[in-house]
């Protein structure tokens, strides 16, 4: 499975965090390889209390540095919707996690907070190629090999 968008990640973790309309206090990490293929999903904590800091090592230690290149986290609970400047403590803790991951050669490409009615994303929630960070990620949209035109309408032709 190739991950093409942030909402793909949210769809994968939602059943682990939201069950029968109830939010479970879980913290989940999703690992992706260098080609944006799903590497694995791990529930880091079943007792997430709203702070990432105590879980930084568990998140980073779970990933195989020989295989995993990208990752995202998701957890129960959202931050204030109008926090455009990442001032919430959990968003600051996510920045610290992202920096620690970079030191290990990992790139954090998503942070999702989920509740009963939806989710918030501190990062791309749509297709990665629609965001500035897509230049730093491998291409995930490929040509439709069975197309009678032999090319994807969204892809520029190469000479």
N, C-alpha and C. Protein backbone atom coordinates (compact mmCIF):
# COMPACT_ATOMS: atom_id res chain seq x y z
N UNK A 1 0.84 -1.17 0.00
CA UNK A 1 0.00 0.00 0.00
C UNK A 1 0.89 1.24 0.00
N UNK A 2 0.72 2.09 -0.99
CA UNK A 2 1.45 3.34 -1.06
C UNK A 2 0.57 4.44 -0.48
N UNK A 3 1.16 5.23 0.40
CA UNK A 3 0.44 6.33 1.03
C UNK A 3 0.62 7.58 0.17
N UNK A 4 -0.48 8.16 -0.30
CA UNK A 4 -0.43 9.32 -1.17
C UNK A 4 -0.84 10.61 -0.50
N UNK A 5 -1.46 10.51 0.66
CA UNK A 5 -2.02 11.71 1.28
C UNK A 5 -2.13 11.54 2.79
N UNK A 6 -2.17 12.68 3.46
CA UNK A 6 -2.34 12.66 4.89
C UNK A 6 -3.63 11.99 5.32
N UNK A 7 -4.69 12.17 4.53
CA UNK A 7 -5.94 11.54 4.95
C UNK A 7 -5.86 10.02 4.86
N UNK A 8 -4.96 9.49 4.04
CA UNK A 8 -4.74 8.03 4.03
C UNK A 8 -4.27 7.57 5.42
N UNK A 9 -3.38 8.35 6.00
CA UNK A 9 -2.85 8.02 7.32
C UNK A 9 -3.95 8.07 8.37
N UNK A 10 -4.77 9.11 8.30
CA UNK A 10 -5.86 9.27 9.26
C UNK A 10 -6.86 8.12 9.15
N UNK A 11 -7.13 7.68 7.93
CA UNK A 11 -8.07 6.57 7.71
C UNK A 11 -7.51 5.28 8.33
N UNK A 12 -6.20 5.08 8.23
CA UNK A 12 -5.59 3.87 8.79
C UNK A 12 -5.66 3.82 10.31
N UNK A 13 -5.49 4.96 10.97
CA UNK A 13 -5.43 4.95 12.43
C UNK A 13 -6.77 5.15 13.11
N UNK A 14 -7.72 5.73 12.41
CA UNK A 14 -9.01 6.05 13.03
C UNK A 14 -9.65 4.85 13.74
N UNK A 15 -9.70 3.66 13.13
CA UNK A 15 -10.32 2.52 13.83
C UNK A 15 -9.60 2.10 15.12
N UNK A 16 -8.34 2.48 15.25
CA UNK A 16 -7.61 2.16 16.48
C UNK A 16 -7.94 3.12 17.61
N UNK A 17 -8.27 4.35 17.25
CA UNK A 17 -8.50 5.40 18.25
C UNK A 17 -9.98 5.65 18.52
N UNK A 18 -10.81 5.53 17.50
CA UNK A 18 -12.25 5.73 17.64
C UNK A 18 -12.94 4.38 17.43
N UNK A 19 -13.58 3.88 18.46
CA UNK A 19 -14.28 2.61 18.37
C UNK A 19 -15.67 2.75 18.95
N UNK A 20 -16.66 2.36 18.15
CA UNK A 20 -18.07 2.43 18.55
C UNK A 20 -18.44 3.83 19.04
N UNK A 21 -17.90 4.85 18.34
CA UNK A 21 -18.22 6.23 18.67
C UNK A 21 -17.50 6.78 19.89
N UNK A 22 -16.62 6.00 20.48
CA UNK A 22 -15.87 6.42 21.66
C UNK A 22 -14.41 6.65 21.32
N UNK A 23 -13.84 7.68 21.89
CA UNK A 23 -12.42 7.96 21.73
C UNK A 23 -11.65 7.17 22.77
N UNK A 24 -10.72 6.36 22.31
CA UNK A 24 -9.87 5.60 23.21
C UNK A 24 -8.55 6.36 23.39
N UNK A 25 -8.00 6.35 24.59
CA UNK A 25 -6.79 7.15 24.86
C UNK A 25 -5.53 6.50 24.28
N UNK A 26 -5.44 6.49 22.96
CA UNK A 26 -4.33 5.82 22.30
C UNK A 26 -3.43 6.82 21.58
N UNK A 27 -2.18 6.44 21.47
CA UNK A 27 -1.18 7.14 20.67
C UNK A 27 -0.64 6.12 19.69
N UNK A 28 -0.70 6.47 18.40
CA UNK A 28 -0.35 5.53 17.34
C UNK A 28 0.73 6.15 16.45
N UNK A 29 1.65 5.32 16.00
CA UNK A 29 2.66 5.75 15.03
C UNK A 29 2.51 4.90 13.77
N UNK A 30 2.65 5.55 12.61
CA UNK A 30 2.57 4.88 11.32
C UNK A 30 3.92 5.07 10.63
N UNK A 31 4.57 3.99 10.25
CA UNK A 31 5.85 4.06 9.57
C UNK A 31 5.71 3.82 8.08
N UNK A 32 6.51 4.53 7.29
CA UNK A 32 6.52 4.38 5.84
C UNK A 32 7.97 4.19 5.39
N UNK A 33 8.14 3.42 4.32
CA UNK A 33 9.49 3.23 3.81
C UNK A 33 9.87 4.36 2.86
N UNK A 34 11.02 4.26 2.20
CA UNK A 34 11.53 5.32 1.33
C UNK A 34 10.65 5.56 0.12
N UNK A 35 9.80 4.58 -0.24
CA UNK A 35 8.89 4.73 -1.37
C UNK A 35 7.48 5.06 -0.95
N UNK A 36 7.32 5.46 0.31
CA UNK A 36 6.01 5.82 0.88
C UNK A 36 5.07 4.62 1.00
N UNK A 37 5.64 3.42 1.07
CA UNK A 37 4.83 2.24 1.30
C UNK A 37 4.67 2.04 2.80
N UNK A 38 3.52 1.55 3.18
CA UNK A 38 3.24 1.31 4.59
C UNK A 38 4.24 0.31 5.15
N UNK A 39 4.93 0.73 6.19
CA UNK A 39 5.91 -0.10 6.87
C UNK A 39 5.25 -0.81 8.05
N UNK A 40 4.38 -0.10 8.75
CA UNK A 40 3.69 -0.69 9.88
C UNK A 40 2.98 0.35 10.70
N UNK A 41 2.12 -0.13 11.57
CA UNK A 41 1.36 0.72 12.48
C UNK A 41 1.53 0.14 13.88
N UNK A 42 1.81 1.02 14.83
CA UNK A 42 2.05 0.56 16.19
C UNK A 42 1.30 1.44 17.18
N UNK A 43 0.58 0.82 18.10
CA UNK A 43 -0.03 1.55 19.20
C UNK A 43 1.06 1.72 20.26
N UNK A 44 1.52 2.95 20.41
CA UNK A 44 2.60 3.26 21.34
C UNK A 44 2.09 3.29 22.77
N UNK A 45 0.85 3.77 22.94
CA UNK A 45 0.28 3.84 24.28
C UNK A 45 -1.22 3.64 24.22
N UNK A 46 -1.72 2.88 25.18
CA UNK A 46 -3.17 2.72 25.36
C UNK A 46 -3.68 3.66 26.43
N UNK A 47 -2.78 4.48 26.98
CA UNK A 47 -3.14 5.40 28.06
C UNK A 47 -2.61 6.80 27.78
N UNK A 48 -2.82 7.26 26.55
CA UNK A 48 -2.34 8.59 26.16
C UNK A 48 -3.13 9.65 26.94
N UNK A 49 -2.38 10.52 27.63
CA UNK A 49 -3.01 11.52 28.50
C UNK A 49 -2.87 12.94 27.98
N UNK A 50 -2.49 13.09 26.72
CA UNK A 50 -2.44 14.43 26.14
C UNK A 50 -1.06 15.02 25.98
N UNK A 51 -0.02 14.30 26.36
CA UNK A 51 1.35 14.79 26.21
C UNK A 51 2.17 13.78 25.42
N UNK A 52 2.87 14.28 24.40
CA UNK A 52 3.72 13.42 23.58
C UNK A 52 5.07 13.15 24.22
N UNK A 53 5.54 14.10 24.99
CA UNK A 53 6.90 14.05 25.51
C UNK A 53 7.27 12.71 26.17
N UNK A 54 6.42 12.14 27.03
CA UNK A 54 6.81 10.87 27.66
C UNK A 54 6.94 9.71 26.67
N UNK A 55 6.46 9.91 25.44
CA UNK A 55 6.42 8.83 24.46
C UNK A 55 7.40 9.00 23.32
N UNK A 56 8.19 10.07 23.33
CA UNK A 56 9.12 10.32 22.22
C UNK A 56 10.02 9.11 21.95
N UNK A 57 10.65 8.58 22.98
CA UNK A 57 11.56 7.45 22.78
C UNK A 57 10.83 6.23 22.26
N UNK A 58 9.66 5.94 22.79
CA UNK A 58 8.89 4.77 22.35
C UNK A 58 8.50 4.91 20.88
N UNK A 59 8.14 6.11 20.46
CA UNK A 59 7.79 6.34 19.06
C UNK A 59 9.01 6.10 18.18
N UNK A 60 10.11 6.72 18.51
CA UNK A 60 11.31 6.64 17.67
C UNK A 60 11.97 5.26 17.72
N UNK A 61 11.96 4.63 18.88
CA UNK A 61 12.61 3.32 19.01
C UNK A 61 11.86 2.21 18.28
N UNK A 62 10.58 2.39 18.05
CA UNK A 62 9.79 1.36 17.36
C UNK A 62 10.20 1.23 15.90
N UNK A 63 10.63 2.30 15.28
CA UNK A 63 10.91 2.29 13.85
C UNK A 63 12.26 1.67 13.54
N UNK A 64 12.31 0.90 12.46
CA UNK A 64 13.52 0.26 11.99
C UNK A 64 14.27 1.26 11.10
N UNK A 65 15.40 1.75 11.57
CA UNK A 65 16.14 2.78 10.84
C UNK A 65 16.69 2.29 9.51
N UNK A 66 16.76 0.98 9.31
CA UNK A 66 17.19 0.45 8.02
C UNK A 66 16.06 0.43 7.00
N UNK A 67 14.85 0.58 7.48
CA UNK A 67 13.69 0.44 6.59
C UNK A 67 12.82 1.69 6.58
N UNK A 68 12.47 2.19 7.72
CA UNK A 68 11.53 3.31 7.83
C UNK A 68 12.24 4.62 7.49
N UNK A 69 11.57 5.46 6.70
CA UNK A 69 12.09 6.79 6.37
C UNK A 69 11.15 7.91 6.81
N UNK A 70 9.85 7.65 6.76
CA UNK A 70 8.84 8.65 7.08
C UNK A 70 7.90 8.08 8.13
N UNK A 71 7.28 8.97 8.89
CA UNK A 71 6.31 8.49 9.87
C UNK A 71 5.33 9.61 10.20
N UNK A 72 4.24 9.20 10.79
CA UNK A 72 3.23 10.13 11.29
C UNK A 72 2.75 9.60 12.63
N UNK A 73 2.19 10.52 13.41
CA UNK A 73 1.61 10.12 14.69
C UNK A 73 0.15 10.53 14.71
N UNK A 74 -0.61 9.81 15.48
CA UNK A 74 -2.03 10.14 15.68
C UNK A 74 -2.37 9.80 17.12
N UNK A 75 -3.28 10.59 17.68
CA UNK A 75 -3.64 10.36 19.07
C UNK A 75 -5.06 10.83 19.34
N UNK A 76 -5.57 10.38 20.45
CA UNK A 76 -6.87 10.83 20.92
C UNK A 76 -6.78 12.29 21.32
N UNK A 77 -7.77 13.05 20.95
CA UNK A 77 -7.83 14.45 21.35
C UNK A 77 -7.27 15.39 20.32
N UNK A 78 -7.90 16.56 20.25
CA UNK A 78 -7.47 17.57 19.30
C UNK A 78 -6.98 18.81 20.05
N UNK A 79 -6.30 19.67 19.35
CA UNK A 79 -5.84 20.94 19.90
C UNK A 79 -6.80 22.03 19.42
N UNK A 80 -6.70 23.23 19.94
CA UNK A 80 -7.62 24.30 19.51
C UNK A 80 -7.57 24.52 18.00
N UNK A 81 -8.72 24.56 17.37
CA UNK A 81 -8.79 24.69 15.92
C UNK A 81 -8.17 25.98 15.40
N UNK A 82 -8.16 27.01 16.20
CA UNK A 82 -7.63 28.29 15.74
C UNK A 82 -6.16 28.48 16.10
N UNK A 83 -5.45 27.41 16.39
CA UNK A 83 -4.04 27.50 16.74
C UNK A 83 -3.20 27.48 15.46
N UNK A 84 -3.15 28.62 14.80
CA UNK A 84 -2.44 28.71 13.52
C UNK A 84 -0.93 28.82 13.69
N UNK A 85 -0.46 29.04 14.89
CA UNK A 85 0.96 29.27 15.11
C UNK A 85 1.60 28.19 15.96
N UNK A 86 0.95 27.05 16.07
CA UNK A 86 1.50 25.90 16.81
C UNK A 86 1.92 26.23 18.23
N UNK A 87 1.06 26.96 18.93
CA UNK A 87 1.38 27.36 20.30
C UNK A 87 0.91 26.37 21.35
N UNK A 88 0.03 25.45 20.99
CA UNK A 88 -0.44 24.47 21.96
C UNK A 88 0.72 23.59 22.41
N UNK A 89 0.73 23.19 23.68
CA UNK A 89 1.83 22.34 24.17
C UNK A 89 2.03 21.08 23.32
N UNK A 90 0.95 20.45 22.89
CA UNK A 90 1.12 19.21 22.13
C UNK A 90 1.76 19.47 20.77
N UNK A 91 1.50 20.63 20.19
CA UNK A 91 2.12 20.97 18.92
C UNK A 91 3.60 21.30 19.11
N UNK A 92 3.93 21.92 20.22
CA UNK A 92 5.34 22.17 20.54
C UNK A 92 6.07 20.85 20.77
N UNK A 93 5.44 19.92 21.47
CA UNK A 93 6.05 18.61 21.72
C UNK A 93 6.25 17.85 20.41
N UNK A 94 5.32 18.02 19.47
CA UNK A 94 5.45 17.38 18.16
C UNK A 94 6.64 17.96 17.39
N UNK A 95 6.88 19.26 17.53
CA UNK A 95 8.05 19.87 16.88
C UNK A 95 9.34 19.29 17.46
N UNK A 96 9.37 19.09 18.75
CA UNK A 96 10.55 18.50 19.39
C UNK A 96 10.75 17.07 18.89
N UNK A 97 9.66 16.31 18.78
CA UNK A 97 9.73 14.95 18.26
C UNK A 97 10.25 14.95 16.82
N UNK A 98 9.74 15.86 16.03
CA UNK A 98 10.16 15.95 14.62
C UNK A 98 11.66 16.21 14.52
N UNK A 99 12.18 17.09 15.36
CA UNK A 99 13.61 17.40 15.36
C UNK A 99 14.43 16.19 15.81
N UNK A 100 13.98 15.48 16.83
CA UNK A 100 14.69 14.29 17.31
C UNK A 100 14.68 13.20 16.24
N UNK A 101 13.57 13.09 15.52
CA UNK A 101 13.47 12.10 14.44
C UNK A 101 14.45 12.43 13.32
N UNK A 102 14.55 13.70 12.98
CA UNK A 102 15.46 14.13 11.91
C UNK A 102 16.90 13.76 12.24
N UNK A 103 17.27 13.83 13.51
CA UNK A 103 18.62 13.44 13.92
C UNK A 103 18.90 11.96 13.69
N UNK A 104 17.83 11.18 13.62
CA UNK A 104 17.97 9.73 13.36
C UNK A 104 17.76 9.39 11.89
N UNK A 105 17.53 10.40 11.06
CA UNK A 105 17.30 10.16 9.63
C UNK A 105 15.87 9.86 9.27
N UNK A 106 14.94 10.18 10.17
CA UNK A 106 13.52 9.96 9.94
C UNK A 106 12.84 11.29 9.68
N UNK A 107 11.79 11.27 8.88
CA UNK A 107 11.05 12.50 8.61
C UNK A 107 9.59 12.32 9.05
N UNK A 108 9.17 13.19 9.95
CA UNK A 108 7.78 13.18 10.40
C UNK A 108 6.94 13.97 9.40
N UNK A 109 5.96 13.29 8.79
CA UNK A 109 5.16 13.93 7.75
C UNK A 109 3.71 14.13 8.16
N UNK A 110 3.36 13.81 9.39
CA UNK A 110 1.99 14.00 9.82
C UNK A 110 1.81 13.92 11.32
N UNK A 111 0.85 14.69 11.80
CA UNK A 111 0.46 14.68 13.22
C UNK A 111 -1.04 14.89 13.23
N UNK A 112 -1.77 13.90 13.74
CA UNK A 112 -3.23 13.93 13.73
C UNK A 112 -3.79 13.80 15.13
N UNK A 113 -4.74 14.65 15.46
CA UNK A 113 -5.50 14.55 16.69
C UNK A 113 -6.92 14.18 16.30
N UNK A 114 -7.46 13.12 16.88
CA UNK A 114 -8.79 12.64 16.51
C UNK A 114 -9.76 12.76 17.68
N UNK A 115 -11.00 13.07 17.35
CA UNK A 115 -12.08 13.01 18.34
C UNK A 115 -13.29 12.38 17.68
N UNK A 116 -14.42 12.38 18.37
CA UNK A 116 -15.62 11.70 17.88
C UNK A 116 -16.13 12.25 16.56
N UNK A 117 -15.90 13.52 16.31
CA UNK A 117 -16.50 14.17 15.14
C UNK A 117 -15.56 14.36 13.98
N UNK A 118 -14.27 14.16 14.17
CA UNK A 118 -13.34 14.37 13.07
C UNK A 118 -11.90 14.35 13.53
N UNK A 119 -11.07 15.14 12.85
CA UNK A 119 -9.67 15.19 13.21
C UNK A 119 -9.07 16.54 12.84
N UNK A 120 -7.96 16.84 13.47
CA UNK A 120 -7.14 17.99 13.10
C UNK A 120 -5.80 17.45 12.64
N UNK A 121 -5.18 18.16 11.72
CA UNK A 121 -3.90 17.74 11.20
C UNK A 121 -2.93 18.91 11.28
N UNK A 122 -1.76 18.65 11.83
CA UNK A 122 -0.69 19.64 11.84
C UNK A 122 0.29 19.21 10.74
N UNK A 123 -0.15 19.36 9.53
CA UNK A 123 0.60 18.92 8.36
C UNK A 123 -0.38 18.58 7.27
N UNK A 124 0.11 18.05 6.18
CA UNK A 124 -0.77 17.76 5.04
C UNK A 124 -1.88 16.78 5.39
N UNK A 125 -3.08 17.10 4.96
CA UNK A 125 -4.16 16.14 5.11
C UNK A 125 -4.69 15.74 3.75
N UNK A 126 -4.27 16.41 2.71
CA UNK A 126 -4.66 16.07 1.34
C UNK A 126 -3.47 15.40 0.67
N UNK A 127 -3.48 15.36 -0.66
CA UNK A 127 -2.39 14.71 -1.40
C UNK A 127 -1.08 15.44 -1.17
N UNK A 128 -0.01 14.69 -0.90
CA UNK A 128 1.28 15.28 -0.61
C UNK A 128 1.79 16.15 -1.75
N UNK A 129 1.47 15.78 -2.99
CA UNK A 129 1.99 16.56 -4.12
C UNK A 129 1.32 17.93 -4.25
N UNK A 130 0.33 18.20 -3.44
CA UNK A 130 -0.33 19.51 -3.45
C UNK A 130 0.27 20.45 -2.41
N UNK A 131 1.29 20.00 -1.71
CA UNK A 131 1.93 20.79 -0.68
C UNK A 131 3.39 21.02 -1.05
N UNK A 132 3.98 22.03 -0.49
CA UNK A 132 5.38 22.34 -0.76
C UNK A 132 6.33 21.23 -0.41
N UNK A 133 5.99 20.38 0.55
CA UNK A 133 6.90 19.32 0.96
C UNK A 133 6.98 18.19 -0.05
N UNK A 134 6.12 18.19 -1.07
CA UNK A 134 6.11 17.09 -2.03
C UNK A 134 7.42 16.97 -2.79
N UNK A 135 8.15 18.08 -2.94
CA UNK A 135 9.43 18.01 -3.65
C UNK A 135 10.44 17.17 -2.88
N UNK A 136 10.25 17.06 -1.58
CA UNK A 136 11.17 16.28 -0.76
C UNK A 136 10.70 14.85 -0.54
N UNK A 137 9.56 14.50 -1.10
CA UNK A 137 9.02 13.16 -0.94
C UNK A 137 9.05 12.44 -2.29
N UNK A 138 9.15 11.12 -2.28
CA UNK A 138 9.11 10.40 -3.56
C UNK A 138 7.72 10.54 -4.20
N UNK A 139 7.65 10.50 -5.53
CA UNK A 139 6.35 10.59 -6.18
C UNK A 139 5.50 9.37 -5.85
N UNK A 140 4.23 9.61 -5.58
CA UNK A 140 3.35 8.48 -5.24
C UNK A 140 2.22 8.30 -6.24
N UNK A 141 2.01 9.29 -7.09
CA UNK A 141 0.99 9.14 -8.13
C UNK A 141 1.66 8.57 -9.37
N UNK A 142 1.17 7.46 -9.82
CA UNK A 142 1.78 6.83 -10.99
C UNK A 142 0.78 6.80 -12.13
N UNK A 143 1.27 6.55 -13.31
CA UNK A 143 0.41 6.46 -14.48
C UNK A 143 -0.53 5.27 -14.36
N UNK A 144 -1.69 5.42 -14.91
CA UNK A 144 -2.64 4.31 -14.97
C UNK A 144 -2.19 3.43 -16.13
N UNK A 145 -1.62 2.29 -15.82
CA UNK A 145 -1.04 1.44 -16.87
C UNK A 145 -2.10 0.91 -17.84
N UNK A 146 -3.32 0.83 -17.42
CA UNK A 146 -4.36 0.31 -18.29
C UNK A 146 -5.13 1.40 -19.03
N UNK A 147 -4.69 2.65 -18.91
CA UNK A 147 -5.37 3.74 -19.59
C UNK A 147 -5.22 3.60 -21.09
N UNK A 148 -6.33 3.83 -21.83
CA UNK A 148 -6.25 3.75 -23.29
C UNK A 148 -5.40 4.88 -23.86
N UNK A 149 -5.17 5.90 -23.05
CA UNK A 149 -4.34 7.01 -23.50
C UNK A 149 -2.87 6.80 -23.15
N UNK A 150 -2.59 5.86 -22.28
CA UNK A 150 -1.22 5.53 -21.93
C UNK A 150 -0.54 6.55 -21.02
N UNK A 151 -1.30 7.48 -20.48
CA UNK A 151 -0.72 8.46 -19.56
C UNK A 151 -1.80 8.95 -18.61
N UNK A 152 -1.37 9.48 -17.53
CA UNK A 152 -2.28 10.05 -16.53
C UNK A 152 -2.51 11.51 -16.88
N UNK A 153 -3.74 11.95 -16.84
CA UNK A 153 -4.05 13.35 -17.20
C UNK A 153 -3.42 14.35 -16.26
N UNK A 154 -3.12 13.95 -15.03
CA UNK A 154 -2.55 14.87 -14.06
C UNK A 154 -1.02 14.94 -14.11
N UNK A 155 -0.40 14.09 -14.88
CA UNK A 155 1.05 14.04 -14.92
C UNK A 155 1.58 14.72 -16.18
N UNK A 156 2.56 15.60 -16.05
CA UNK A 156 3.14 16.23 -17.23
C UNK A 156 3.95 15.21 -18.01
N UNK A 157 3.99 15.38 -19.31
CA UNK A 157 4.78 14.49 -20.14
C UNK A 157 6.25 14.83 -19.98
N UNK A 158 7.08 13.83 -20.01
CA UNK A 158 8.52 14.06 -19.96
C UNK A 158 9.09 13.78 -21.33
N UNK A 159 10.08 14.52 -21.68
CA UNK A 159 10.73 14.39 -23.00
C UNK A 159 11.96 13.54 -22.90
